[in-house]
Amino acid sequence: MNDPHPDQLDPLLLARLLCTRLCHDMAAPVGAVANGAELMGGDPAMVDAETLGLLTDSAAAASLRLRTLRAAFGLGGALEAADVPRLIQGWVATRTTVVPPAPETLTRLPADDLQVLLNLALVAHDAALAPTALTVTVEPGATVVMTAEATGRGARAEQGLAEAVAGAPEGLGPRTVQGWLVGALARQRGGQVAYAEIAGGVRLTGTLPLPDG
């Protein structure tokens, strides 16, 4: 029996996994908006500054998270170089220090490559245990090398993530489907993604052909 080719995944299963992941990621900020609305008690005149601030902050967080997920999972095309650092910073916890890629290294990258980079950063951050730093770099050369390294108290070593990044469909779940997606996006561009556990965290490295032009 032939081994399944990387990225051969039942489309219905992929859709269900991505929907599950999206719903999970949106549950907290949307729930916070609902809680804020409930505190209003149906009477806007009774809203104090603290409740209004909670509602405003929660709505902004939900909006930013939705934009990030759309850029990471969607068809893209409109993603620009300036968007990537802002979306990464908005995604991570406030206790995580983000070192973004140098702006000049992003300007030559097409939207498809920027989407790979965004996913690398999100997967690395979510795979690390309580990350305190997320460093994202882009090194143009004969190929474009993208690295997202998240460090903290240790590596979570999400079971099956390394296999998902490599394109293996076995054991894929909502917590690893984004790793599968970033690997598939890179391979579609003629590149690849490598996942490694390092001291205190994880590192994802994407290698893509240099864009023409």
C-alpha atoms as a PDB file:
ATOM      1  CA  MET A   1       0.000   0.000   0.000  1.00  0.00           C
ATOM      2  CA  ASN A   2       1.341   3.432  -0.940  1.00  0.00           C
ATOM      3  CA  ASP A   3       1.855   5.976   1.810  1.00  0.00           C
ATOM      4  CA  PRO A   4      -0.550   8.923   1.620  1.00  0.00           C
ATOM      5  CA  HIS A   5       0.948  11.932  -0.100  1.00  0.00           C
ATOM      6  CA  PRO A   6       1.496  14.888   2.225  1.00  0.00           C
ATOM      7  CA  ASP A   7      -1.500  17.239   2.246  1.00  0.00           C
ATOM      8  CA  GLN A   8      -3.938  14.532   1.083  1.00  0.00           C
ATOM      9  CA  LEU A   9      -6.696  15.157   3.594  1.00  0.00           C
ATOM     10  CA  ASP A  10     -10.414  14.637   3.316  1.00  0.00           C
ATOM     11  CA  PRO A  11     -11.833  18.106   2.475  1.00  0.00           C
ATOM     12  CA  LEU A  12     -14.818  17.627   4.773  1.00  0.00           C
ATOM     13  CA  LEU A  13     -12.569  16.677   7.680  1.00  0.00           C
ATOM     14  CA  LEU A  14     -10.327  19.687   7.026  1.00  0.00           C
ATOM     15  CA  ALA A  15     -13.323  22.021   6.941  1.00  0.00           C
ATOM     16  CA  ARG A  16     -14.653  20.613  10.211  1.00  0.00           C
ATOM     17  CA  LEU A  17     -11.267  20.855  11.921  1.00  0.00           C
ATOM     18  CA  LEU A  18     -10.749  24.455  10.831  1.00  0.00           C
ATOM     19  CA  CYS A  19     -14.288  25.401  11.905  1.00  0.00           C
ATOM     20  CA  THR A  20     -13.692  23.828  15.304  1.00  0.00           C
ATOM     21  CA  ARG A  21     -10.432  25.739  15.668  1.00  0.00           C
ATOM     22  CA  LEU A  22     -12.045  29.017  14.592  1.00  0.00           C
ATOM     23  CA  CYS A  23     -14.927  28.607  17.035  1.00  0.00           C
ATOM     24  CA  HIS A  24     -12.514  27.790  19.854  1.00  0.00           C
ATOM     25  CA  ASP A  25     -10.375  30.857  19.176  1.00  0.00           C
ATOM     26  CA  MET A  26     -13.381  33.182  18.964  1.00  0.00           C
ATOM     27  CA  ALA A  27     -15.269  31.791  21.968  1.00  0.00           C
ATOM     28  CA  ALA A  28     -13.431  33.776  24.654  1.00  0.00           C
ATOM     29  CA  PRO A  29     -13.540  37.282  23.105  1.00  0.00           C
ATOM     30  CA  VAL A  30     -17.122  36.904  21.891  1.00  0.00           C
ATOM     31  CA  GLY A  31     -18.120  35.541  25.306  1.00  0.00           C
ATOM     32  CA  ALA A  32     -16.536  38.581  26.934  1.00  0.00           C
ATOM     33  CA  VAL A  33     -18.630  40.870  24.729  1.00  0.00           C
ATOM     34  CA  ALA A  34     -21.741  38.924  25.716  1.00  0.00           C
ATOM     35  CA  ASN A  35     -20.840  39.224  29.397  1.00  0.00           C
ATOM     36  CA  GLY A  36     -20.362  42.961  29.027  1.00  0.00           C
ATOM     37  CA  ALA A  37     -23.718  43.300  27.335  1.00  0.00           C
ATOM     38  CA  GLU A  38     -25.310  41.284  30.135  1.00  0.00           C
ATOM     39  CA  LEU A  39     -23.826  43.623  32.730  1.00  0.00           C
ATOM     40  CA  MET A  40     -25.643  46.473  30.997  1.00  0.00           C
ATOM     41  CA  GLY A  41     -28.874  44.830  32.122  1.00  0.00           C
ATOM     42  CA  GLY A  42     -30.735  46.002  29.062  1.00  0.00           C
ATOM     43  CA  ASP A  43     -30.611  49.618  30.257  1.00  0.00           C
ATOM     44  CA  PRO A  44     -27.829  51.699  28.681  1.00  0.00           C
ATOM     45  CA  ALA A  45     -28.492  54.434  31.218  1.00  0.00           C
ATOM     46  CA  MET A  46     -27.244  52.117  33.961  1.00  0.00           C
ATOM     47  CA  VAL A  47     -23.868  51.468  32.302  1.00  0.00           C
ATOM     48  CA  ASP A  48     -20.904  52.700  34.311  1.00  0.00           C
ATOM     49  CA  ALA A  49     -17.474  53.537  32.916  1.00  0.00           C
ATOM     50  CA  GLU A  50     -15.988  50.197  33.978  1.00  0.00           C
ATOM     51  CA  THR A  51     -18.666  48.157  32.234  1.00  0.00           C
ATOM     52  CA  LEU A  52     -18.446  50.302  29.110  1.00  0.00           C
ATOM     53  CA  GLY A  53     -14.672  49.913  29.080  1.00  0.00           C
ATOM     54  CA  LEU A  54     -14.989  46.132  29.407  1.00  0.00           C
ATOM     55  CA  LEU A  55     -17.457  46.005  26.550  1.00  0.00           C
ATOM     56  CA  THR A  56     -15.334  48.248  24.326  1.00  0.00           C
ATOM     57  CA  ASP A  57     -12.107  46.351  25.008  1.00  0.00           C
ATOM     58  CA  SER A  58     -13.775  42.977  24.487  1.00  0.00           C
ATOM     59  CA  ALA A  59     -15.299  44.054  21.193  1.00  0.00           C
ATOM     60  CA  ALA A  60     -11.941  45.368  19.982  1.00  0.00           C
ATOM     61  CA  ALA A  61     -10.220  42.124  20.972  1.00  0.00           C
ATOM     62  CA  ALA A  62     -12.848  40.060  19.159  1.00  0.00           C
ATOM     63  CA  SER A  63     -12.513  42.198  16.043  1.00  0.00           C
ATOM     64  CA  LEU A  64      -8.708  41.917  16.007  1.00  0.00           C
ATOM     65  CA  ARG A  65      -8.817  38.162  16.564  1.00  0.00           C
ATOM     66  CA  LEU A  66     -11.295  37.753  13.728  1.00  0.00           C
ATOM     67  CA  ARG A  67      -9.106  39.802  11.361  1.00  0.00           C
ATOM     68  CA  THR A  68      -6.091  37.701  12.319  1.00  0.00           C
ATOM     69  CA  LEU A  69      -7.902  34.407  11.732  1.00  0.00           C
ATOM     70  CA  ARG A  70      -9.232  35.627   8.398  1.00  0.00           C
ATOM     71  CA  ALA A  71      -5.722  36.601   7.318  1.00  0.00           C
ATOM     72  CA  ALA A  72      -4.233  33.296   8.527  1.00  0.00           C
ATOM     73  CA  PHE A  73      -6.915  30.893   7.273  1.00  0.00           C
ATOM     74  CA  GLY A  74      -8.623  32.774   4.460  1.00  0.00           C
ATOM     75  CA  LEU A  75      -7.884  33.079   0.770  1.00  0.00           C
ATOM     76  CA  GLY A  76      -5.831  36.173   1.486  1.00  0.00           C
ATOM     77  CA  GLY A  77      -4.650  38.402  -1.322  1.00  0.00           C
ATOM     78  CA  ALA A  78      -5.103  41.622   0.655  1.00  0.00           C
ATOM     79  CA  LEU A  79      -2.508  40.893   3.349  1.00  0.00           C
ATOM     80  CA  GLU A  80       0.220  43.560   3.342  1.00  0.00           C
ATOM     81  CA  ALA A  81       3.661  43.710   4.920  1.00  0.00           C
ATOM     82  CA  ALA A  82       2.587  46.235   7.559  1.00  0.00           C
ATOM     83  CA  ASP A  83      -0.291  43.985   8.649  1.00  0.00           C
ATOM     84  CA  VAL A  84       1.835  41.047   9.794  1.00  0.00           C
ATOM     85  CA  PRO A  85       3.608  42.549  12.849  1.00  0.00           C
ATOM     86  CA  ARG A  86       0.391  44.231  13.988  1.00  0.00           C
ATOM     87  CA  LEU A  87      -1.644  41.032  13.741  1.00  0.00           C
ATOM     88  CA  ILE A  88       1.020  38.991  15.523  1.00  0.00           C
ATOM     89  CA  GLN A  89       1.268  41.529  18.347  1.00  0.00           C
ATOM     90  CA  GLY A  90      -2.498  41.616  18.721  1.00  0.00           C
ATOM     91  CA  TRP A  91      -2.724  37.825  18.887  1.00  0.00           C
ATOM     92  CA  VAL A  92      -0.188  37.067  21.601  1.00  0.00           C
ATOM     93  CA  ALA A  93      -0.702  37.527  25.314  1.00  0.00           C
ATOM     94  CA  THR A  94       0.315  40.877  26.726  1.00  0.00           C
ATOM     95  CA  ARG A  95       2.994  39.152  28.815  1.00  0.00           C
ATOM     96  CA  THR A  96       4.741  37.944  25.645  1.00  0.00           C
ATOM     97  CA  THR A  97       7.433  40.178  24.172  1.00  0.00           C
ATOM     98  CA  VAL A  98       7.311  40.176  20.386  1.00  0.00           C
ATOM     99  CA  VAL A  99      10.411  40.813  18.288  1.00  0.00           C
ATOM    100  CA  PRO A 100       8.965  41.339  14.800  1.00  0.00           C
ATOM    101  CA  PRO A 101      10.823  40.925  11.509  1.00  0.00           C
ATOM    102  CA  ALA A 102      12.538  43.967  10.090  1.00  0.00           C
ATOM    103  CA  PRO A 103      10.030  45.876   7.922  1.00  0.00           C
ATOM    104  CA  GLU A 104      12.369  45.977   4.934  1.00  0.00           C
ATOM    105  CA  THR A 105      12.505  42.168   4.820  1.00  0.00           C
ATOM    106  CA  LEU A 106       8.727  41.978   4.364  1.00  0.00           C
ATOM    107  CA  THR A 107       8.146  44.453   1.576  1.00  0.00           C
ATOM    108  CA  ARG A 108       9.231  42.097  -1.239  1.00  0.00           C
ATOM    109  CA  LEU A 109       7.106  39.212  -0.034  1.00  0.00           C
ATOM    110  CA  PRO A 110       3.806  38.495  -1.823  1.00  0.00           C
ATOM    111  CA  ALA A 111       0.618  38.034   0.175  1.00  0.00           C
ATOM    112  CA  ASP A 112       0.884  34.224   0.008  1.00  0.00           C
ATOM    113  CA  ASP A 113       4.317  34.304   1.662  1.00  0.00           C
ATOM    114  CA  LEU A 114       3.124  36.776   4.268  1.00  0.00           C
ATOM    115  CA  GLN A 115       0.313  34.366   5.087  1.00  0.00           C
ATOM    116  CA  VAL A 116       2.853  31.583   5.641  1.00  0.00           C
ATOM    117  CA  LEU A 117       4.847  33.876   7.939  1.00  0.00           C
ATOM    118  CA  LEU A 118       1.772  34.864   9.957  1.00  0.00           C
ATOM    119  CA  ASN A 119       0.820  31.231  10.465  1.00  0.00           C
ATOM    120  CA  LEU A 120       4.380  30.316  11.477  1.00  0.00           C
ATOM    121  CA  ALA A 121       4.273  32.938  14.218  1.00  0.00           C
ATOM    122  CA  LEU A 122       0.824  31.931  15.503  1.00  0.00           C
ATOM    123  CA  VAL A 123       1.631  28.210  15.540  1.00  0.00           C
ATOM    124  CA  ALA A 124       4.949  28.778  17.334  1.00  0.00           C
ATOM    125  CA  HIS A 125       3.333  30.984  19.962  1.00  0.00           C
ATOM    126  CA  ASP A 126       0.460  28.578  20.608  1.00  0.00           C
ATOM    127  CA  ALA A 127       2.806  25.563  20.763  1.00  0.00           C
ATOM    128  CA  ALA A 128       5.003  27.000  23.512  1.00  0.00           C
ATOM    129  CA  LEU A 129       4.171  26.696  27.189  1.00  0.00           C
ATOM    130  CA  ALA A 130       3.514  30.153  28.660  1.00  0.00           C
ATOM    131  CA  PRO A 131       5.743  31.917  26.115  1.00  0.00           C
ATOM    132  CA  THR A 132       7.449  35.075  27.285  1.00  0.00           C
ATOM    133  CA  ALA A 133       9.110  35.926  23.967  1.00  0.00           C
ATOM    134  CA  LEU A 134       8.239  35.447  20.319  1.00  0.00           C
ATOM    135  CA  THR A 135      10.935  36.270  17.784  1.00  0.00           C
ATOM    136  CA  VAL A 136      10.077  36.357  14.095  1.00  0.00           C
ATOM    137  CA  THR A 137      12.729  36.803  11.420  1.00  0.00           C
ATOM    138  CA  VAL A 138      12.867  36.827   7.622  1.00  0.00           C
ATOM    139  CA  GLU A 139      16.151  36.322   5.774  1.00  0.00           C
ATOM    140  CA  PRO A 140      16.028  36.825   1.993  1.00  0.00           C
ATOM    141  CA  GLY A 141      18.731  35.056   0.012  1.00  0.00           C
ATOM    142  CA  ALA A 142      18.796  32.325  -2.592  1.00  0.00           C
ATOM    143  CA  THR A 143      15.581  31.355  -0.776  1.00  0.00           C
ATOM    144  CA  VAL A 144      13.462  33.156   1.806  1.00  0.00           C
ATOM    145  CA  VAL A 145      14.004  31.705   5.280  1.00  0.00           C
ATOM    146  CA  MET A 146      11.343  32.557   7.849  1.00  0.00           C
ATOM    147  CA  THR A 147      11.750  31.676  11.502  1.00  0.00           C
ATOM    148  CA  ALA A 148       9.292  31.943  14.382  1.00  0.00           C
ATOM    149  CA  GLU A 149      10.750  31.052  17.773  1.00  0.00           C
ATOM    150  CA  ALA A 150       8.679  31.092  20.957  1.00  0.00           C
ATOM    151  CA  THR A 151      10.387  30.637  24.315  1.00  0.00           C
ATOM    152  CA  GLY A 152       9.143  30.562  27.871  1.00  0.00           C
ATOM    153  CA  ARG A 153       9.093  28.022  30.672  1.00  0.00           C
ATOM    154  CA  GLY A 154       9.276  25.094  28.287  1.00  0.00           C
ATOM    155  CA  ALA A 155       7.913  23.418  25.198  1.00  0.00           C
ATOM    156  CA  ARG A 156       4.425  22.031  25.296  1.00  0.00           C
ATOM    157  CA  ALA A 157       5.331  19.490  22.593  1.00  0.00           C
ATOM    158  CA  GLU A 158       1.754  19.306  21.351  1.00  0.00           C
ATOM    159  CA  GLN A 159       1.258  15.687  20.397  1.00  0.00           C
ATOM    160  CA  GLY A 160       1.123  15.279  16.652  1.00  0.00           C
ATOM    161  CA  LEU A 161       2.154  18.848  15.778  1.00  0.00           C
ATOM    162  CA  ALA A 162       5.458  17.879  14.163  1.00  0.00           C
ATOM    163  CA  GLU A 163       3.647  15.260  12.084  1.00  0.00           C
ATOM    164  CA  ALA A 164       0.910  17.745  11.142  1.00  0.00           C
ATOM    165  CA  VAL A 165       3.475  20.308   9.950  1.00  0.00           C
ATOM    166  CA  ALA A 166       5.040  17.583   7.784  1.00  0.00           C
ATOM    167  CA  GLY A 167       1.643  16.884   6.196  1.00  0.00           C
ATOM    168  CA  ALA A 168       0.687  13.624   7.885  1.00  0.00           C
ATOM    169  CA  PRO A 169      -3.114  13.316   8.162  1.00  0.00           C
ATOM    170  CA  GLU A 170      -3.111  10.652  10.872  1.00  0.00           C
ATOM    171  CA  GLY A 171      -4.187  11.883  14.281  1.00  0.00           C
ATOM    172  CA  LEU A 172      -4.858  15.420  13.090  1.00  0.00           C
ATOM    173  CA  GLY A 173      -7.037  17.471  15.450  1.00  0.00           C
ATOM    174  CA  PRO A 174      -8.257  21.031  16.061  1.00  0.00           C
ATOM    175  CA  ARG A 175      -5.119  21.858  18.066  1.00  0.00           C
ATOM    176  CA  THR A 176      -2.756  20.763  15.288  1.00  0.00           C
ATOM    177  CA  VAL A 177      -4.685  21.644  12.128  1.00  0.00           C
ATOM    178  CA  GLN A 178      -3.034  25.074  11.855  1.00  0.00           C
ATOM    179  CA  GLY A 179       0.348  23.356  11.816  1.00  0.00           C
ATOM    180  CA  TRP A 180      -0.903  21.175   8.969  1.00  0.00           C
ATOM    181  CA  LEU A 181      -2.175  24.275   7.169  1.00  0.00           C
ATOM    182  CA  VAL A 182       1.095  26.215   7.340  1.00  0.00           C
ATOM    183  CA  GLY A 183       3.016  23.223   6.064  1.00  0.00           C
ATOM    184  CA  ALA A 184       0.570  22.795   3.178  1.00  0.00           C
ATOM    185  CA  LEU A 185       0.712  26.500   2.294  1.00  0.00           C
ATOM    186  CA  ALA A 186       4.503  26.392   2.174  1.00  0.00           C
ATOM    187  CA  ARG A 187       4.579  23.261   0.038  1.00  0.00           C
ATOM    188  CA  GLN A 188       2.069  24.838  -2.333  1.00  0.00           C
ATOM    189  CA  ARG A 189       4.626  27.627  -2.806  1.00  0.00           C
ATOM    190  CA  GLY A 190       7.368  25.083  -3.525  1.00  0.00           C
ATOM    191  CA  GLY A 191       8.852  25.354  -0.021  1.00  0.00           C
ATOM    192  CA  GLN A 192       8.708  23.548   3.296  1.00  0.00           C
ATOM    193  CA  VAL A 193       8.311  24.061   7.047  1.00  0.00           C
ATOM    194  CA  ALA A 194      10.387  22.406   9.777  1.00  0.00           C
ATOM    195  CA  TYR A 195       9.262  22.107  13.412  1.00  0.00           C
ATOM    196  CA  ALA A 196      11.758  21.717  16.254  1.00  0.00           C
ATOM    197  CA  GLU A 197      11.644  21.746  20.037  1.00  0.00           C
ATOM    198  CA  ILE A 198      14.439  23.856  21.483  1.00  0.00           C
ATOM    199  CA  ALA A 199      15.569  24.734  24.978  1.00  0.00           C
ATOM    200  CA  GLY A 200      12.610  26.450  26.608  1.00  0.00           C
ATOM    201  CA  GLY A 201      10.349  26.545  23.580  1.00  0.00           C
ATOM    202  CA  VAL A 202       9.708  25.744  19.946  1.00  0.00           C
ATOM    203  CA  ARG A 203      10.945  26.916  16.566  1.00  0.00           C
ATOM    204  CA  LEU A 204       9.245  26.772  13.185  1.00  0.00           C
ATOM    205  CA  THR A 205      11.332  27.468  10.094  1.00  0.00           C
ATOM    206  CA  GLY A 206       9.819  28.028   6.675  1.00  0.00           C
ATOM    207  CA  THR A 207      11.895  27.962   3.505  1.00  0.00           C
ATOM    208  CA  LEU A 208      10.287  29.390   0.374  1.00  0.00           C
ATOM    209  CA  PRO A 209      11.515  30.205  -3.124  1.00  0.00           C
ATOM    210  CA  LEU A 210      12.620  33.798  -3.574  1.00  0.00           C
ATOM    211  CA  PRO A 211       9.793  35.790  -5.191  1.00  0.00           C
ATOM    212  CA  ASP A 212      10.389  36.909  -8.755  1.00  0.00           C
ATOM    213  CA  GLY A 213      11.001  40.527  -9.420  1.00  0.00           C
END
